[in-house]
mmCIF file of all heavy atoms, coordinates in Angstrom:
data_MODEL
# 
_entry.id   MODEL 
# 
loop_
_atom_site.group_PDB 
_atom_site.id 
_atom_site.type_symbol 
_atom_site.label_atom_id 
_atom_site.label_alt_id 
_atom_site.label_comp_id 
_atom_site.label_asym_id 
_atom_site.label_entity_id 
_atom_site.label_seq_id 
_atom_site.pdbx_PDB_ins_code 
_atom_site.Cartn_x 
_atom_site.Cartn_y 
_atom_site.Cartn_z 
_atom_site.occupancy 
_atom_site.B_iso_or_equiv 
_atom_site.pdbx_formal_charge 
_atom_site.auth_seq_id 
_atom_site.auth_comp_id 
_atom_site.auth_asym_id 
_atom_site.auth_atom_id 
_atom_site.pdbx_PDB_model_num 
ATOM 1   N N   . ALA A 1 1  ? 38.671 105.618 61.950 1.00 0.00 ? 1  ALA A N   1 
ATOM 2   C CA  . ALA A 1 1  ? 40.076 105.585 61.525 1.00 0.00 ? 1  ALA A CA  1 
ATOM 3   C C   . ALA A 1 1  ? 40.671 104.182 61.532 1.00 0.00 ? 1  ALA A C   1 
ATOM 4   O O   . ALA A 1 1  ? 41.597 103.888 60.762 1.00 0.00 ? 1  ALA A O   1 
ATOM 5   C CB  . ALA A 1 1  ? 40.898 106.500 62.434 1.00 0.00 ? 1  ALA A CB  1 
ATOM 6   N N   . ARG A 1 2  ? 40.155 103.290 62.371 1.00 0.00 ? 2  ARG A N   1 
ATOM 7   C CA  . ARG A 1 2  ? 40.732 101.947 62.453 1.00 0.00 ? 2  ARG A CA  1 
ATOM 8   C C   . ARG A 1 2  ? 40.428 101.095 61.236 1.00 0.00 ? 2  ARG A C   1 
ATOM 9   O O   . ARG A 1 2  ? 40.943 99.982  61.106 1.00 0.00 ? 2  ARG A O   1 
ATOM 10  C CB  . ARG A 1 2  ? 40.253 101.240 63.721 1.00 0.00 ? 2  ARG A CB  1 
ATOM 11  C CG  . ARG A 1 2  ? 38.743 101.122 63.881 1.00 0.00 ? 2  ARG A CG  1 
ATOM 12  C CD  . ARG A 1 2  ? 38.424 100.644 65.295 1.00 0.00 ? 2  ARG A CD  1 
ATOM 13  N NE  . ARG A 1 2  ? 37.002 100.543 65.582 1.00 0.00 ? 2  ARG A NE  1 
ATOM 14  C CZ  . ARG A 1 2  ? 36.240 101.541 65.993 1.00 0.00 ? 2  ARG A CZ  1 
ATOM 15  N NH1 . ARG A 1 2  ? 36.766 102.760 66.127 1.00 0.00 ? 2  ARG A NH1 1 
ATOM 16  N NH2 . ARG A 1 2  ? 34.958 101.366 66.277 1.00 0.00 ? 2  ARG A NH2 1 
ATOM 17  N N   . GLY A 1 3  ? 39.571 101.581 60.347 1.00 0.00 ? 3  GLY A N   1 
ATOM 18  C CA  . GLY A 1 3  ? 39.307 100.886 59.096 1.00 0.00 ? 3  GLY A CA  1 
ATOM 19  C C   . GLY A 1 3  ? 37.988 100.157 59.075 1.00 0.00 ? 3  GLY A C   1 
ATOM 20  O O   . GLY A 1 3  ? 37.455 99.760  60.110 1.00 0.00 ? 3  GLY A O   1 
ATOM 21  N N   . VAL A 1 4  ? 37.452 99.973  57.880 1.00 0.00 ? 4  VAL A N   1 
ATOM 22  C CA  . VAL A 1 4  ? 36.103 99.436  57.739 1.00 0.00 ? 4  VAL A CA  1 
ATOM 23  C C   . VAL A 1 4  ? 36.025 97.979  58.184 1.00 0.00 ? 4  VAL A C   1 
ATOM 24  O O   . VAL A 1 4  ? 35.065 97.578  58.852 1.00 0.00 ? 4  VAL A O   1 
ATOM 25  C CB  . VAL A 1 4  ? 35.591 99.622  56.293 1.00 0.00 ? 4  VAL A CB  1 
ATOM 26  C CG1 . VAL A 1 4  ? 36.416 98.835  55.285 1.00 0.00 ? 4  VAL A CG1 1 
ATOM 27  C CG2 . VAL A 1 4  ? 34.125 99.227  56.194 1.00 0.00 ? 4  VAL A CG2 1 
ATOM 28  N N   . GLU A 1 5  ? 37.002 97.166  57.838 1.00 0.00 ? 5  GLU A N   1 
ATOM 29  C CA  . GLU A 1 5  ? 36.911 95.749  58.179 1.00 0.00 ? 5  GLU A CA  1 
ATOM 30  C C   . GLU A 1 5  ? 37.047 95.539  59.688 1.00 0.00 ? 5  GLU A C   1 
ATOM 31  O O   . GLU A 1 5  ? 36.341 94.701  60.270 1.00 0.00 ? 5  GLU A O   1 
ATOM 32  C CB  . GLU A 1 5  ? 37.951 94.944  57.398 1.00 0.00 ? 5  GLU A CB  1 
ATOM 33  C CG  . GLU A 1 5  ? 37.739 95.008  55.882 1.00 0.00 ? 5  GLU A CG  1 
ATOM 34  C CD  . GLU A 1 5  ? 38.077 93.696  55.187 1.00 0.00 ? 5  GLU A CD  1 
ATOM 35  O OE1 . GLU A 1 5  ? 38.335 92.692  55.874 1.00 0.00 ? 5  GLU A OE1 1 
ATOM 36  O OE2 . GLU A 1 5  ? 38.050 93.686  53.933 1.00 0.00 ? 5  GLU A OE2 1 
ATOM 37  N N   . ALA A 1 6  ? 37.943 96.284  60.322 1.00 0.00 ? 6  ALA A N   1 
ATOM 38  C CA  . ALA A 1 6  ? 38.082 96.172  61.777 1.00 0.00 ? 6  ALA A CA  1 
ATOM 39  C C   . ALA A 1 6  ? 36.801 96.611  62.471 1.00 0.00 ? 6  ALA A C   1 
ATOM 40  O O   . ALA A 1 6  ? 36.368 95.998  63.458 1.00 0.00 ? 6  ALA A O   1 
ATOM 41  C CB  . ALA A 1 6  ? 39.261 97.018  62.251 1.00 0.00 ? 6  ALA A CB  1 
ATOM 42  N N   . TRP A 1 7  ? 36.199 97.663  61.964 1.00 0.00 ? 7  TRP A N   1 
ATOM 43  C CA  . TRP A 1 7  ? 34.935 98.188  62.515 1.00 0.00 ? 7  TRP A CA  1 
ATOM 44  C C   . TRP A 1 7  ? 33.829 97.146  62.401 1.00 0.00 ? 7  TRP A C   1 
ATOM 45  O O   . TRP A 1 7  ? 33.108 96.872  63.368 1.00 0.00 ? 7  TRP A O   1 
ATOM 46  C CB  . TRP A 1 7  ? 34.603 99.471  61.765 1.00 0.00 ? 7  TRP A CB  1 
ATOM 47  C CG  . TRP A 1 7  ? 33.312 100.153 62.075 1.00 0.00 ? 7  TRP A CG  1 
ATOM 48  C CD1 . TRP A 1 7  ? 32.711 100.286 63.302 1.00 0.00 ? 7  TRP A CD1 1 
ATOM 49  C CD2 . TRP A 1 7  ? 32.477 100.837 61.142 1.00 0.00 ? 7  TRP A CD2 1 
ATOM 50  N NE1 . TRP A 1 7  ? 31.546 101.015 63.171 1.00 0.00 ? 7  TRP A NE1 1 
ATOM 51  C CE2 . TRP A 1 7  ? 31.384 101.365 61.856 1.00 0.00 ? 7  TRP A CE2 1 
ATOM 52  C CE3 . TRP A 1 7  ? 32.551 101.063 59.763 1.00 0.00 ? 7  TRP A CE3 1 
ATOM 53  C CZ2 . TRP A 1 7  ? 30.365 102.103 61.241 1.00 0.00 ? 7  TRP A CZ2 1 
ATOM 54  C CZ3 . TRP A 1 7  ? 31.554 101.806 59.156 1.00 0.00 ? 7  TRP A CZ3 1 
ATOM 55  C CH2 . TRP A 1 7  ? 30.471 102.315 59.883 1.00 0.00 ? 7  TRP A CH2 1 
ATOM 56  N N   . LEU A 1 8  ? 33.698 96.543  61.240 1.00 0.00 ? 8  LEU A N   1 
ATOM 57  C CA  . LEU A 1 8  ? 32.667 95.531  61.029 1.00 0.00 ? 8  LEU A CA  1 
ATOM 58  C C   . LEU A 1 8  ? 32.924 94.296  61.889 1.00 0.00 ? 8  LEU A C   1 
ATOM 59  O O   . LEU A 1 8  ? 31.980 93.744  62.501 1.00 0.00 ? 8  LEU A O   1 
ATOM 60  C CB  . LEU A 1 8  ? 32.593 95.153  59.552 1.00 0.00 ? 8  LEU A CB  1 
ATOM 61  C CG  . LEU A 1 8  ? 32.013 96.228  58.623 1.00 0.00 ? 8  LEU A CG  1 
ATOM 62  C CD1 . LEU A 1 8  ? 32.336 95.912  57.163 1.00 0.00 ? 8  LEU A CD1 1 
ATOM 63  C CD2 . LEU A 1 8  ? 30.498 96.348  58.809 1.00 0.00 ? 8  LEU A CD2 1 
ATOM 64  N N   . MET A 1 9  ? 34.147 93.847  61.945 1.00 0.00 ? 9  MET A N   1 
ATOM 65  C CA  . MET A 1 9  ? 34.456 92.675  62.743 1.00 0.00 ? 9  MET A CA  1 
ATOM 66  C C   . MET A 1 9  ? 34.220 92.928  64.232 1.00 0.00 ? 9  MET A C   1 
ATOM 67  O O   . MET A 1 9  ? 33.801 92.036  64.969 1.00 0.00 ? 9  MET A O   1 
ATOM 68  C CB  . MET A 1 9  ? 35.915 92.258  62.497 1.00 0.00 ? 9  MET A CB  1 
ATOM 69  C CG  . MET A 1 9  ? 36.204 91.799  61.073 1.00 0.00 ? 9  MET A CG  1 
ATOM 70  S SD  . MET A 1 9  ? 35.248 90.327  60.584 1.00 0.00 ? 9  MET A SD  1 
ATOM 71  C CE  . MET A 1 9  ? 36.082 89.067  61.540 1.00 0.00 ? 9  MET A CE  1 
ATOM 72  N N   . GLU A 1 10 ? 34.462 94.159  64.670 1.00 0.00 ? 10 GLU A N   1 
ATOM 73  C CA  . GLU A 1 10 ? 34.217 94.527  66.065 1.00 0.00 ? 10 GLU A CA  1 
ATOM 74  C C   . GLU A 1 10 ? 32.737 94.380  66.408 1.00 0.00 ? 10 GLU A C   1 
ATOM 75  O O   . GLU A 1 10 ? 32.372 94.070  67.545 1.00 0.00 ? 10 GLU A O   1 
ATOM 76  C CB  . GLU A 1 10 ? 34.684 95.966  66.298 1.00 0.00 ? 10 GLU A CB  1 
ATOM 77  C CG  . GLU A 1 10 ? 34.756 96.373  67.751 1.00 0.00 ? 10 GLU A CG  1 
ATOM 78  C CD  . GLU A 1 10 ? 35.349 97.755  67.920 1.00 0.00 ? 10 GLU A CD  1 
ATOM 79  O OE1 . GLU A 1 10 ? 35.862 98.317  66.936 1.00 0.00 ? 10 GLU A OE1 1 
ATOM 80  O OE2 . GLU A 1 10 ? 35.296 98.268  69.046 1.00 0.00 ? 10 GLU A OE2 1 
ATOM 81  N N   . ALA A 1 11 ? 31.871 94.595  65.415 1.00 0.00 ? 11 ALA A N   1 
ATOM 82  C CA  . ALA A 1 11 ? 30.427 94.439  65.591 1.00 0.00 ? 11 ALA A CA  1 
ATOM 83  C C   . ALA A 1 11 ? 29.956 93.029  65.242 1.00 0.00 ? 11 ALA A C   1 
ATOM 84  O O   . ALA A 1 11 ? 28.747 92.780  65.184 1.00 0.00 ? 11 ALA A O   1 
ATOM 85  C CB  . ALA A 1 11 ? 29.683 95.455  64.729 1.00 0.00 ? 11 ALA A CB  1 
ATOM 86  N N   . SER A 1 12 ? 30.911 92.116  65.005 1.00 0.00 ? 12 SER A N   1 
ATOM 87  C CA  . SER A 1 12 ? 30.602 90.728  64.633 1.00 0.00 ? 12 SER A CA  1 
ATOM 88  C C   . SER A 1 12 ? 29.780 90.646  63.352 1.00 0.00 ? 12 SER A C   1 
ATOM 89  O O   . SER A 1 12 ? 28.852 89.838  63.225 1.00 0.00 ? 12 SER A O   1 
ATOM 90  C CB  . SER A 1 12 ? 29.865 90.012  65.781 1.00 0.00 ? 12 SER A CB  1 
ATOM 91  O OG  . SER A 1 12 ? 30.655 90.002  66.948 1.00 0.00 ? 12 SER A OG  1 
ATOM 92  N N   . ILE A 1 13 ? 30.132 91.494  62.398 1.00 0.00 ? 13 ILE A N   1 
ATOM 93  C CA  . ILE A 1 13 ? 29.443 91.535  61.106 1.00 0.00 ? 13 ILE A CA  1 
ATOM 94  C C   . ILE A 1 13 ? 30.421 91.116  60.015 1.00 0.00 ? 13 ILE A C   1 
ATOM 95  O O   . ILE A 1 13 ? 31.553 91.619  59.952 1.00 0.00 ? 13 ILE A O   1 
ATOM 96  C CB  . ILE A 1 13 ? 28.893 92.948  60.814 1.00 0.00 ? 13 ILE A CB  1 
ATOM 97  C CG1 . ILE A 1 13 ? 27.800 93.315  61.833 1.00 0.00 ? 13 ILE A CG1 1 
ATOM 98  C CG2 . ILE A 1 13 ? 28.348 93.039  59.390 1.00 0.00 ? 13 ILE A CG2 1 
ATOM 99  C CD1 . ILE A 1 13 ? 27.367 94.766  61.766 1.00 0.00 ? 13 ILE A CD1 1 
ATOM 100 N N   . ASP A 1 14 ? 30.015 90.215  59.170 1.00 0.00 ? 14 ASP A N   1 
ATOM 101 C CA  . ASP A 1 14 ? 30.825 89.749  58.053 1.00 0.00 ? 14 ASP A CA  1 
ATOM 102 C C   . ASP A 1 14 ? 31.035 90.908  57.071 1.00 0.00 ? 14 ASP A C   1 
ATOM 103 O O   . ASP A 1 14 ? 30.059 91.462  56.550 1.00 0.00 ? 14 ASP A O   1 
ATOM 104 C CB  . ASP A 1 14 ? 30.110 88.587  57.358 1.00 0.00 ? 14 ASP A CB  1 
ATOM 105 C CG  . ASP A 1 14 ? 30.900 88.005  56.194 1.00 0.00 ? 14 ASP A CG  1 
ATOM 106 O OD1 . ASP A 1 14 ? 31.952 88.570  55.826 1.00 0.00 ? 14 ASP A OD1 1 
ATOM 107 O OD2 . ASP A 1 14 ? 30.442 86.987  55.636 1.00 0.00 ? 14 ASP A OD2 1 
ATOM 108 N N   . PRO A 1 15 ? 32.270 91.316  56.807 1.00 0.00 ? 15 PRO A N   1 
ATOM 109 C CA  . PRO A 1 15 ? 32.504 92.418  55.865 1.00 0.00 ? 15 PRO A CA  1 
ATOM 110 C C   . PRO A 1 15 ? 31.940 92.155  54.468 1.00 0.00 ? 15 PRO A C   1 
ATOM 111 O O   . PRO A 1 15 ? 31.713 93.100  53.699 1.00 0.00 ? 15 PRO A O   1 
ATOM 112 C CB  . PRO A 1 15 ? 34.033 92.532  55.826 1.00 0.00 ? 15 PRO A CB  1 
ATOM 113 C CG  . PRO A 1 15 ? 34.483 91.975  57.141 1.00 0.00 ? 15 PRO A CG  1 
ATOM 114 C CD  . PRO A 1 15 ? 33.526 90.849  57.417 1.00 0.00 ? 15 PRO A CD  1 
ATOM 115 N N   . GLN A 1 16 ? 31.678 90.888  54.141 1.00 0.00 ? 16 GLN A N   1 
ATOM 116 C CA  . GLN A 1 16 ? 31.138 90.570  52.824 1.00 0.00 ? 16 GLN A CA  1 
ATOM 117 C C   . GLN A 1 16 ? 29.605 90.592  52.791 1.00 0.00 ? 16 GLN A C   1 
ATOM 118 O O   . GLN A 1 16 ? 29.001 90.384  51.743 1.00 0.00 ? 16 GLN A O   1 
ATOM 119 C CB  . GLN A 1 16 ? 31.639 89.193  52.379 1.00 0.00 ? 16 GLN A CB  1 
ATOM 120 C CG  . GLN A 1 16 ? 33.150 89.120  52.202 1.00 0.00 ? 16 GLN A CG  1 
ATOM 121 C CD  . GLN A 1 16 ? 33.593 87.797  51.624 1.00 0.00 ? 16 GLN A CD  1 
ATOM 122 O OE1 . GLN A 1 16 ? 33.305 87.479  50.470 1.00 0.00 ? 16 GLN A OE1 1 
ATOM 123 N NE2 . GLN A 1 16 ? 34.292 87.006  52.432 1.00 0.00 ? 16 GLN A NE2 1 
ATOM 124 N N   . ALA A 1 17 ? 28.994 90.835  53.945 1.00 0.00 ? 17 ALA A N   1 
ATOM 125 C CA  . ALA A 1 17 ? 27.525 90.890  53.989 1.00 0.00 ? 17 ALA A CA  1 
ATOM 126 C C   . ALA A 1 17 ? 27.014 92.113  53.240 1.00 0.00 ? 17 ALA A C   1 
ATOM 127 O O   . ALA A 1 17 ? 27.737 93.108  53.055 1.00 0.00 ? 17 ALA A O   1 
ATOM 128 C CB  . ALA A 1 17 ? 27.052 90.931  55.434 1.00 0.00 ? 17 ALA A CB  1 
ATOM 129 N N   . ARG A 1 18 ? 25.766 92.045  52.815 1.00 0.00 ? 18 ARG A N   1 
ATOM 130 C CA  . ARG A 1 18 ? 25.114 93.181  52.179 1.00 0.00 ? 18 ARG A CA  1 
ATOM 131 C C   . ARG A 1 18 ? 24.128 93.812  53.155 1.00 0.00 ? 18 ARG A C   1 
ATOM 132 O O   . ARG A 1 18 ? 23.629 93.132  54.068 1.00 0.00 ? 18 ARG A O   1 
ATOM 133 C CB  . ARG A 1 18 ? 24.444 92.746  50.875 1.00 0.00 ? 18 ARG A CB  1 
ATOM 134 C CG  . ARG A 1 18 ? 25.474 92.456  49.782 1.00 0.00 ? 18 ARG A CG  1 
ATOM 135 C CD  . ARG A 1 18 ? 24.858 92.067  48.455 1.00 0.00 ? 18 ARG A CD  1 
ATOM 136 N NE  . ARG A 1 18 ? 25.855 92.084  47.388 1.00 0.00 ? 18 ARG A NE  1 
ATOM 137 C CZ  . ARG A 1 18 ? 26.776 91.131  47.175 1.00 0.00 ? 18 ARG A CZ  1 
ATOM 138 N NH1 . ARG A 1 18 ? 26.817 90.063  47.980 1.00 0.00 ? 18 ARG A NH1 1 
ATOM 139 N NH2 . ARG A 1 18 ? 27.641 91.231  46.186 1.00 0.00 ? 18 ARG A NH2 1 
ATOM 140 N N   . PRO A 1 19 ? 23.823 95.088  52.994 1.00 0.00 ? 19 PRO A N   1 
ATOM 141 C CA  . PRO A 1 19 ? 23.056 95.802  54.025 1.00 0.00 ? 19 PRO A CA  1 
ATOM 142 C C   . PRO A 1 19 ? 21.681 95.226  54.306 1.00 0.00 ? 19 PRO A C   1 
ATOM 143 O O   . PRO A 1 19 ? 21.213 95.269  55.452 1.00 0.00 ? 19 PRO A O   1 
ATOM 144 C CB  . PRO A 1 19 ? 22.960 97.231  53.478 1.00 0.00 ? 19 PRO A CB  1 
ATOM 145 C CG  . PRO A 1 19 ? 23.298 97.135  52.028 1.00 0.00 ? 19 PRO A CG  1 
ATOM 146 C CD  . PRO A 1 19 ? 24.243 95.994  51.902 1.00 0.00 ? 19 PRO A CD  1 
ATOM 147 N N   . GLU A 1 20 ? 21.011 94.668  53.291 1.00 0.00 ? 20 GLU A N   1 
ATOM 148 C CA  . GLU A 1 20 ? 19.652 94.178  53.503 1.00 0.00 ? 20 GLU A CA  1 
ATOM 149 C C   . GLU A 1 20 ? 19.598 92.937  54.385 1.00 0.00 ? 20 GLU A C   1 
ATOM 150 O O   . GLU A 1 20 ? 18.517 92.505  54.796 1.00 0.00 ? 20 GLU A O   1 
ATOM 151 C CB  . GLU A 1 20 ? 18.957 93.895  52.168 1.00 0.00 ? 20 GLU A CB  1 
ATOM 152 C CG  . GLU A 1 20 ? 19.536 92.755  51.353 1.00 0.00 ? 20 GLU A CG  1 
ATOM 153 C CD  . GLU A 1 20 ? 20.622 93.180  50.398 1.00 0.00 ? 20 GLU A CD  1 
ATOM 154 O OE1 . GLU A 1 20 ? 21.151 94.308  50.558 1.00 0.00 ? 20 GLU A OE1 1 
ATOM 155 O OE2 . GLU A 1 20 ? 20.937 92.392  49.480 1.00 0.00 ? 20 GLU A OE2 1 
ATOM 156 N N   . THR A 1 21 ? 20.769 92.351  54.730 1.00 0.00 ? 21 THR A N   1 
ATOM 157 C CA  . THR A 1 21 ? 20.783 91.165  55.581 1.00 0.00 ? 21 THR A CA  1 
ATOM 158 C C   . THR A 1 21 ? 20.908 91.508  57.066 1.00 0.00 ? 21 THR A C   1 
ATOM 159 O O   . THR A 1 21 ? 20.715 90.647  57.917 1.00 0.00 ? 21 THR A O   1 
ATOM 160 C CB  . THR A 1 21 ? 21.953 90.237  55.201 1.00 0.00 ? 21 THR A CB  1 
ATOM 161 O OG1 . THR A 1 21 ? 23.203 90.885  55.495 1.00 0.00 ? 21 THR A OG1 1 
ATOM 162 C CG2 . THR A 1 21 ? 21.893 89.860  53.732 1.00 0.00 ? 21 THR A CG2 1 
ATOM 163 N N   . LEU A 1 22 ? 21.234 92.766  57.376 1.00 0.00 ? 22 LEU A N   1 
ATOM 164 C CA  . LEU A 1 22 ? 21.467 93.156  58.767 1.00 0.00 ? 22 LEU A CA  1 
ATOM 165 C C   . LEU A 1 22 ? 20.183 93.627  59.451 1.00 0.00 ? 22 LEU A C   1 
ATOM 166 O O   . LEU A 1 22 ? 19.437 94.429  58.876 1.00 0.00 ? 22 LEU A O   1 
ATOM 167 C CB  . LEU A 1 22 ? 22.498 94.286  58.834 1.00 0.00 ? 22 LEU A CB  1 
ATOM 168 C CG  . LEU A 1 22 ? 23.965 93.911  58.993 1.00 0.00 ? 22 LEU A CG  1 
ATOM 169 C CD1 . LEU A 1 22 ? 24.426 93.024  57.854 1.00 0.00 ? 22 LEU A CD1 1 
ATOM 170 C CD2 . LEU A 1 22 ? 24.803 95.171  59.111 1.00 0.00 ? 22 LEU A CD2 1 
ATOM 171 N N   . PRO A 1 23 ? 19.919 93.180  60.674 1.00 0.00 ? 23 PRO A N   1 
ATOM 172 C CA  . PRO A 1 23 ? 18.772 93.693  61.414 1.00 0.00 ? 23 PRO A CA  1 
ATOM 173 C C   . PRO A 1 23 ? 19.038 95.123  61.885 1.00 0.00 ? 23 PRO A C   1 
ATOM 174 O O   . PRO A 1 23 ? 20.198 95.561  61.936 1.00 0.00 ? 23 PRO A O   1 
ATOM 175 C CB  . PRO A 1 23 ? 18.657 92.738  62.600 1.00 0.00 ? 23 PRO A CB  1 
ATOM 176 C CG  . PRO A 1 23 ? 20.047 92.258  62.825 1.00 0.00 ? 23 PRO A CG  1 
ATOM 177 C CD  . PRO A 1 23 ? 20.668 92.166  61.454 1.00 0.00 ? 23 PRO A CD  1 
ATOM 178 N N   . PRO A 1 24 ? 18.014 95.864  62.251 1.00 0.00 ? 24 PRO A N   1 
ATOM 179 C CA  . PRO A 1 24 ? 18.221 97.245  62.714 1.00 0.00 ? 24 PRO A CA  1 
ATOM 180 C C   . PRO A 1 24 ? 19.231 97.354  63.854 1.00 0.00 ? 24 PRO A C   1 
ATOM 181 O O   . PRO A 1 24 ? 20.036 98.293  63.898 1.00 0.00 ? 24 PRO A O   1 
ATOM 182 C CB  . PRO A 1 24 ? 16.819 97.677  63.154 1.00 0.00 ? 24 PRO A CB  1 
ATOM 183 C CG  . PRO A 1 24 ? 15.895 96.869  62.301 1.00 0.00 ? 24 PRO A CG  1 
ATOM 184 C CD  . PRO A 1 24 ? 16.572 95.542  62.153 1.00 0.00 ? 24 PRO A CD  1 
ATOM 185 N N   . GLU A 1 25 ? 19.213 96.385  64.769 1.00 0.00 ? 25 GLU A N   1 
ATOM 186 C CA  . GLU A 1 25 ? 20.113 96.443  65.920 1.00 0.00 ? 25 GLU A CA  1 
ATOM 187 C C   . GLU A 1 25 ? 21.588 96.413  65.512 1.00 0.00 ? 25 GLU A C   1 
ATOM 188 O O   . GLU A 1 25 ? 22.444 96.987  66.196 1.00 0.00 ? 25 GLU A O   1 
ATOM 189 C CB  . GLU A 1 25 ? 19.811 95.285  66.869 1.00 0.00 ? 25 GLU A CB  1 
ATOM 190 C CG  . GLU A 1 25 ? 18.443 95.333  67.523 1.00 0.00 ? 25 GLU A CG  1 
ATOM 191 C CD  . GLU A 1 25 ? 17.313 94.940  66.570 1.00 0.00 ? 25 GLU A CD  1 
ATOM 192 O OE1 . GLU A 1 25 ? 17.583 94.288  65.531 1.00 0.00 ? 25 GLU A OE1 1 
ATOM 193 O OE2 . GLU A 1 25 ? 16.143 95.284  66.882 1.00 0.00 ? 25 GLU A OE2 1 
ATOM 194 N N   . ALA A 1 26 ? 21.902 95.753  64.402 1.00 0.00 ? 26 ALA A N   1 
ATOM 195 C CA  . ALA A 1 26 ? 23.283 95.722  63.923 1.00 0.00 ? 26 ALA A CA  1 
ATOM 196 C C   . ALA A 1 26 ? 23.733 97.106  63.485 1.00 0.00 ? 26 ALA A C   1 
ATOM 197 O O   . ALA A 1 26 ? 24.884 97.504  63.728 1.00 0.00 ? 26 ALA A O   1 
ATOM 198 C CB  . ALA A 1 26 ? 23.416 94.714  62.781 1.00 0.00 ? 26 ALA A CB  1 
ATOM 199 N N   . PHE A 1 27 ? 22.841 97.852  62.824 1.00 0.00 ? 27 PHE A N   1 
ATOM 200 C CA  . PHE A 1 27 ? 23.187 99.221  62.428 1.00 0.00 ? 27 PHE A CA  1 
ATOM 201 C C   . PHE A 1 27 ? 23.345 100.112 63.657 1.00 0.00 ? 27 PHE A C   1 
ATOM 202 O O   . PHE A 1 27 ? 24.190 101.018 63.675 1.00 0.00 ? 27 PHE A O   1 
ATOM 203 C CB  . PHE A 1 27 ? 22.126 99.781  61.485 1.00 0.00 ? 27 PHE A CB  1 
ATOM 204 C CG  . PHE A 1 27 ? 22.198 99.206  60.097 1.00 0.00 ? 27 PHE A CG  1 
ATOM 205 C CD1 . PHE A 1 27 ? 21.298 98.237  59.685 1.00 0.00 ? 27 PHE A CD1 1 
ATOM 206 C CD2 . PHE A 1 27 ? 23.176 99.622  59.202 1.00 0.00 ? 27 PHE A CD2 1 
ATOM 207 C CE1 . PHE A 1 27 ? 21.355 97.692  58.408 1.00 0.00 ? 27 PHE A CE1 1 
ATOM 208 C CE2 . PHE A 1 27 ? 23.256 99.087  57.930 1.00 0.00 ? 27 PHE A CE2 1 
ATOM 209 C CZ  . PHE A 1 27 ? 22.344 98.114  57.528 1.00 0.00 ? 27 PHE A CZ  1 
# 
């Protein structure tokens, strides 16, 4: 509910990143 960008930033993930750049641990 807090929103996609807040969720991604909470995980220290750039909202502009694409999925193939994230390691399994990030997911």
